[in-house]
Structures are given as structure tokens and as C-alpha cells.
């Protein structure tokens, strides 16, 4: 609180300084002076900003994304896979499998780097991404897509896949004990539940 009060006072002094000096100093020199003053303010505020970043990171730790999730149940999966254009053999293998998904984040730098790994008996796939960044990716059945991940709410991760023939949206909702996935391709929706390890 003390630092915030002092910081506000410095901002007021800087504004007053600008108003007074504007009448006596050439504009170019005034800009240099203001830049120097702003740098000093930023340096002074450094501990406050660093503290704020530490608070944000500590709060961020209670998000529910990170973990290993094991398949529990699915609904309407085959029509969804057919809509994606997945062939009969691969479709039957996918329906018979019990996938696991590992979600992890590295937030040492901003923005966080994410990893989403899906393991099936016959294949594995890893997506590496940052939120809001469009990346070229491939699906488990080999299709090339442009993918964007977003986080519209606290413990929801949305994946948008834009492909040549079909677009696909996967909404992952994270809870203390599970992850619920809603997948939609061309209006056909499937639901999958994974239990947290």
C-alpha cells in the first residue's frame, strides 16, 4: 500500500512537471526528459509489478488443467468419427481403444507453453501450443489441420481444427476428478469422459 501511494504521488509529480516544463523546454528535449522520468517510475515500481506477477502465478497453480486422464466412457462417437471421414478399420480401432490424455503447462515464461499428449494402443500424438496461436498440426488419422487453442473460461480449453474437408471443435472441461470432452464436426457431436489419475 505504501508503495502504491508513493507511486501515485510520483505520477502526479510527473504530470505537474510536464505541465510546468512544457512552457520552457523545446518539444524534442521534453520527450527525452519524459522518457527518462518514465524509466525511473518503471524501475521504482518494479517490486510492485514483480509481486503482482508472483501473485498471478500462485493463483494460476490452482487451475485444473495439468494431469493424466484415462478414458471412462463415450457417447455418439461413431457418427462423429464417420463425419470426420475416418475409415472403417481405423474407426473400429479408435472405438475399441481406451486412450489416455496428458495435459501439462510450462508457465516459467509468458505466455505459457502447453502440451497435450494423446496415447492410444496403436498411436500417440502430441500437440505443443500457446493459447491463441494458430499452428499447423496433424490428426491421429493423418489429416493436416490448422489448430487454435483458447481458454474462454477458467477451466475450459477449446481446440478449433480447420481442415480441407471438415472443421472440428473440441471443448475440454476440467474438474477435480475428471475431464469432459465435447467434440463437434459439421454439426455431429460426441461426448467423452476421462477420469483424472
Protein backbone atom coordinates (compact mmCIF):
# COMPACT_ATOMS: atom_id res chain seq x y z
CA UNK A 1 0.00 0.00 0.00
CA UNK A 2 2.82 2.39 0.86
CA UNK A 3 4.49 1.74 -2.48
CA UNK A 4 1.21 2.30 -4.35
CA UNK A 5 0.69 5.66 -2.60
CA UNK A 6 4.24 6.75 -3.41
CA UNK A 7 3.80 5.55 -6.99
CA UNK A 8 0.61 7.62 -7.39
CA UNK A 9 2.39 10.65 -5.93
CA UNK A 10 5.22 10.22 -8.41
CA UNK A 11 2.74 10.02 -11.28
CA UNK A 12 1.11 13.26 -10.10
CA UNK A 13 4.51 14.94 -9.79
CA UNK A 14 5.43 13.74 -13.29
CA UNK A 15 2.23 15.23 -14.74
CA UNK A 16 2.77 18.53 -12.91
CA UNK A 17 6.42 18.54 -14.05
CA UNK A 18 5.27 18.06 -17.64
CA UNK A 19 2.76 20.94 -17.45
CA UNK A 20 5.33 23.32 -15.97
CA UNK A 21 8.24 22.33 -18.20
CA UNK A 22 6.19 22.35 -21.42
CA UNK A 23 6.32 26.14 -21.39
CA UNK A 24 10.12 26.32 -21.03
CA UNK A 25 11.63 23.37 -22.93
CA UNK A 26 11.67 22.52 -26.63
CA UNK A 27 9.37 19.59 -27.52
CA UNK A 28 12.23 17.25 -28.54
CA UNK A 29 14.07 17.76 -25.27
CA UNK A 30 10.82 17.38 -23.34
CA UNK A 31 10.22 13.97 -24.90
CA UNK A 32 13.69 12.81 -23.80
CA UNK A 33 13.05 14.12 -20.29
CA UNK A 34 9.69 12.36 -20.08
CA UNK A 35 11.16 9.08 -21.29
CA UNK A 36 13.85 9.26 -18.62
CA UNK A 37 11.24 10.04 -15.97
CA UNK A 38 9.05 7.14 -17.14
CA UNK A 39 12.02 4.76 -16.95
CA UNK A 40 12.65 5.88 -13.38
CA UNK A 41 8.99 5.29 -12.50
CA UNK A 42 9.09 1.80 -14.01
CA UNK A 43 12.26 0.99 -12.08
CA UNK A 44 10.68 2.26 -8.89
CA UNK A 45 7.52 0.25 -9.47
CA UNK A 46 9.48 -2.90 -10.28
CA UNK A 47 8.95 -4.65 -6.93
CA UNK A 48 5.19 -3.97 -7.08
CA UNK A 49 4.91 -5.42 -10.60
CA UNK A 50 7.08 -8.40 -9.74
CA UNK A 51 4.92 -9.06 -6.71
CA UNK A 52 1.80 -8.90 -8.90
CA UNK A 53 3.32 -11.42 -11.32
CA UNK A 54 4.14 -13.73 -8.40
CA UNK A 55 0.56 -13.47 -7.15
CA UNK A 56 -0.82 -14.24 -10.63
CA UNK A 57 1.42 -17.29 -10.93
CA UNK A 58 0.46 -18.58 -7.48
CA UNK A 59 -3.24 -18.17 -8.27
CA UNK A 60 -2.68 -19.86 -11.65
CA UNK A 61 -1.45 -23.01 -9.90
CA UNK A 62 -4.95 -23.93 -8.75
CA UNK A 63 -6.17 -24.32 -12.33
CA UNK A 64 -7.26 -27.87 -13.07
CA UNK A 65 -5.67 -28.48 -16.49
CA UNK A 66 -2.47 -30.34 -15.64
CA UNK A 67 -2.76 -34.08 -15.16
CA UNK A 68 -3.17 -37.51 -16.71
CA UNK A 69 -6.67 -38.54 -17.75
CA UNK A 70 -7.88 -42.07 -18.52
CA UNK A 71 -10.83 -42.96 -20.71
CA UNK A 72 -14.07 -43.69 -18.87
CA UNK A 73 -16.98 -43.51 -21.34
CA UNK A 74 -18.16 -42.11 -24.67
CA UNK A 75 -21.45 -41.26 -26.39
CA UNK A 76 -22.24 -40.92 -30.11
CA UNK A 77 -18.60 -41.49 -31.02
CA UNK A 78 -19.06 -43.49 -34.24
CA UNK A 79 -21.27 -40.96 -36.08
CA UNK A 80 -18.77 -38.27 -35.11
CA UNK A 81 -15.83 -40.31 -36.47
CA UNK A 82 -17.77 -41.01 -39.68
CA UNK A 83 -18.39 -37.28 -40.10
CA UNK A 84 -14.65 -36.69 -39.76
CA UNK A 85 -14.14 -39.08 -42.68
CA UNK A 86 -12.20 -41.69 -40.73
CA UNK A 87 -12.10 -45.08 -42.47
CA UNK A 88 -13.77 -48.23 -41.16
CA UNK A 89 -10.67 -50.02 -39.80
CA UNK A 90 -9.19 -47.01 -38.02
CA UNK A 91 -12.62 -46.10 -36.73
CA UNK A 92 -13.14 -49.53 -35.18
CA UNK A 93 -9.68 -49.41 -33.60
CA UNK A 94 -10.44 -45.99 -32.13
CA UNK A 95 -13.81 -47.14 -30.76
CA UNK A 96 -12.26 -50.22 -29.15
CA UNK A 97 -9.36 -48.36 -27.55
CA UNK A 98 -9.09 -46.71 -24.14
CA UNK A 99 -6.99 -43.59 -24.72
CA UNK A 100 -5.19 -41.56 -22.11
CA UNK A 101 -4.53 -37.83 -22.33
CA UNK A 102 -1.75 -35.94 -20.58
CA UNK A 103 -2.05 -32.17 -20.23
CA UNK A 104 0.87 -30.09 -18.99
CA UNK A 105 1.84 -26.41 -18.94
CA UNK A 106 5.12 -24.58 -18.54
CA UNK A 107 4.48 -21.05 -17.29
CA UNK A 108 8.07 -20.05 -16.46
CA UNK A 109 7.78 -17.63 -19.37
CA UNK A 110 4.74 -15.65 -20.50
CA UNK A 111 2.71 -16.80 -22.35
CA UNK A 112 2.57 -20.38 -21.05
CA UNK A 113 3.64 -23.24 -23.29
CA UNK A 114 1.16 -26.12 -23.36
CA UNK A 115 1.48 -29.80 -24.21
CA UNK A 116 -1.43 -32.13 -24.89
CA UNK A 117 -0.46 -35.77 -25.45
CA UNK A 118 -2.96 -38.42 -26.55
CA UNK A 119 -1.94 -42.07 -26.27
CA UNK A 120 -3.77 -44.91 -27.99
CA UNK A 121 -2.67 -48.53 -28.17
CA UNK A 122 -1.64 -48.14 -31.81
CA UNK A 123 -0.54 -44.48 -31.93
CA UNK A 124 0.42 -41.37 -29.96
CA UNK A 125 0.08 -37.70 -30.79
CA UNK A 126 1.45 -34.59 -29.07
CA UNK A 127 0.23 -31.02 -29.62
CA UNK A 128 2.56 -28.22 -28.49
CA UNK A 129 0.99 -24.76 -28.45
CA UNK A 130 0.39 -21.39 -26.86
CA UNK A 131 -3.11 -20.03 -26.36
CA UNK A 132 -4.45 -18.06 -29.32
CA UNK A 133 -1.63 -19.14 -31.64
CA UNK A 134 -2.54 -20.86 -34.92
CA UNK A 135 -0.30 -23.86 -35.55
CA UNK A 136 -0.09 -26.46 -38.29
CA UNK A 137 -0.89 -29.88 -36.84
CA UNK A 138 -1.96 -33.35 -37.90
CA UNK A 139 -4.68 -35.57 -36.51
CA UNK A 140 -4.44 -39.16 -35.30
CA UNK A 141 -5.74 -40.34 -38.69
CA UNK A 142 -3.13 -38.31 -40.59
CA UNK A 143 -5.17 -35.27 -41.71
CA UNK A 144 -3.36 -31.91 -41.81
CA UNK A 145 -5.20 -29.13 -39.96
CA UNK A 146 -4.69 -25.61 -38.69
CA UNK A 147 -5.31 -25.62 -34.95
CA UNK A 148 -6.01 -22.85 -32.44
CA UNK A 149 -6.39 -23.42 -28.69
CA UNK A 150 -8.20 -20.89 -26.50
CA UNK A 151 -9.29 -20.71 -22.86
CA UNK A 152 -12.68 -18.96 -22.81
CA UNK A 153 -13.26 -19.66 -19.11
CA UNK A 154 -11.20 -20.64 -16.10
CA UNK A 155 -11.02 -24.42 -16.53
CA UNK A 156 -12.15 -24.84 -20.14
CA UNK A 157 -9.81 -25.46 -23.08
CA UNK A 158 -11.20 -25.15 -26.61
CA UNK A 159 -9.45 -26.60 -29.65
CA UNK A 160 -10.54 -25.47 -33.13
CA UNK A 161 -9.29 -27.60 -36.04
CA UNK A 162 -9.70 -26.19 -39.54
CA UNK A 163 -9.19 -28.81 -42.25
CA UNK A 164 -9.63 -29.10 -46.01
CA UNK A 165 -12.82 -31.18 -45.84
CA UNK A 166 -14.15 -30.76 -42.30
CA UNK A 167 -13.79 -28.43 -39.32
CA UNK A 168 -13.72 -29.86 -35.82
CA UNK A 169 -14.21 -28.30 -32.38
CA UNK A 170 -13.17 -29.98 -29.13
CA UNK A 171 -14.23 -28.42 -25.83
CA UNK A 172 -12.42 -29.83 -22.80
CA UNK A 173 -13.89 -29.02 -19.38
CA UNK A 174 -11.64 -29.83 -16.42
CA UNK A 175 -12.84 -30.83 -12.95
CA UNK A 176 -11.15 -32.09 -9.79
CA UNK A 177 -11.77 -35.73 -10.70
CA UNK A 178 -12.31 -35.78 -14.48
CA UNK A 179 -12.18 -34.14 -17.89
CA UNK A 180 -15.30 -33.93 -20.07
CA UNK A 181 -14.78 -33.55 -23.82
CA UNK A 182 -17.44 -32.34 -26.26
CA UNK A 183 -16.43 -32.88 -29.90
CA UNK A 184 -18.34 -31.43 -32.85
CA UNK A 185 -17.71 -31.94 -36.57
CA UNK A 186 -20.13 -30.43 -39.10
CA UNK A 187 -22.95 -30.42 -36.53
CA UNK A 188 -22.38 -34.00 -35.30
CA UNK A 189 -21.47 -34.06 -31.61
CA UNK A 190 -19.88 -36.73 -29.43
CA UNK A 191 -19.10 -36.77 -25.71
CA UNK A 192 -16.19 -38.45 -23.93
CA UNK A 193 -15.41 -38.57 -20.20
CA UNK A 194 -11.90 -39.14 -18.81
CA UNK A 195 -11.06 -39.75 -15.16
CA UNK A 196 -8.15 -37.89 -13.61
CA UNK A 197 -5.38 -40.15 -12.34
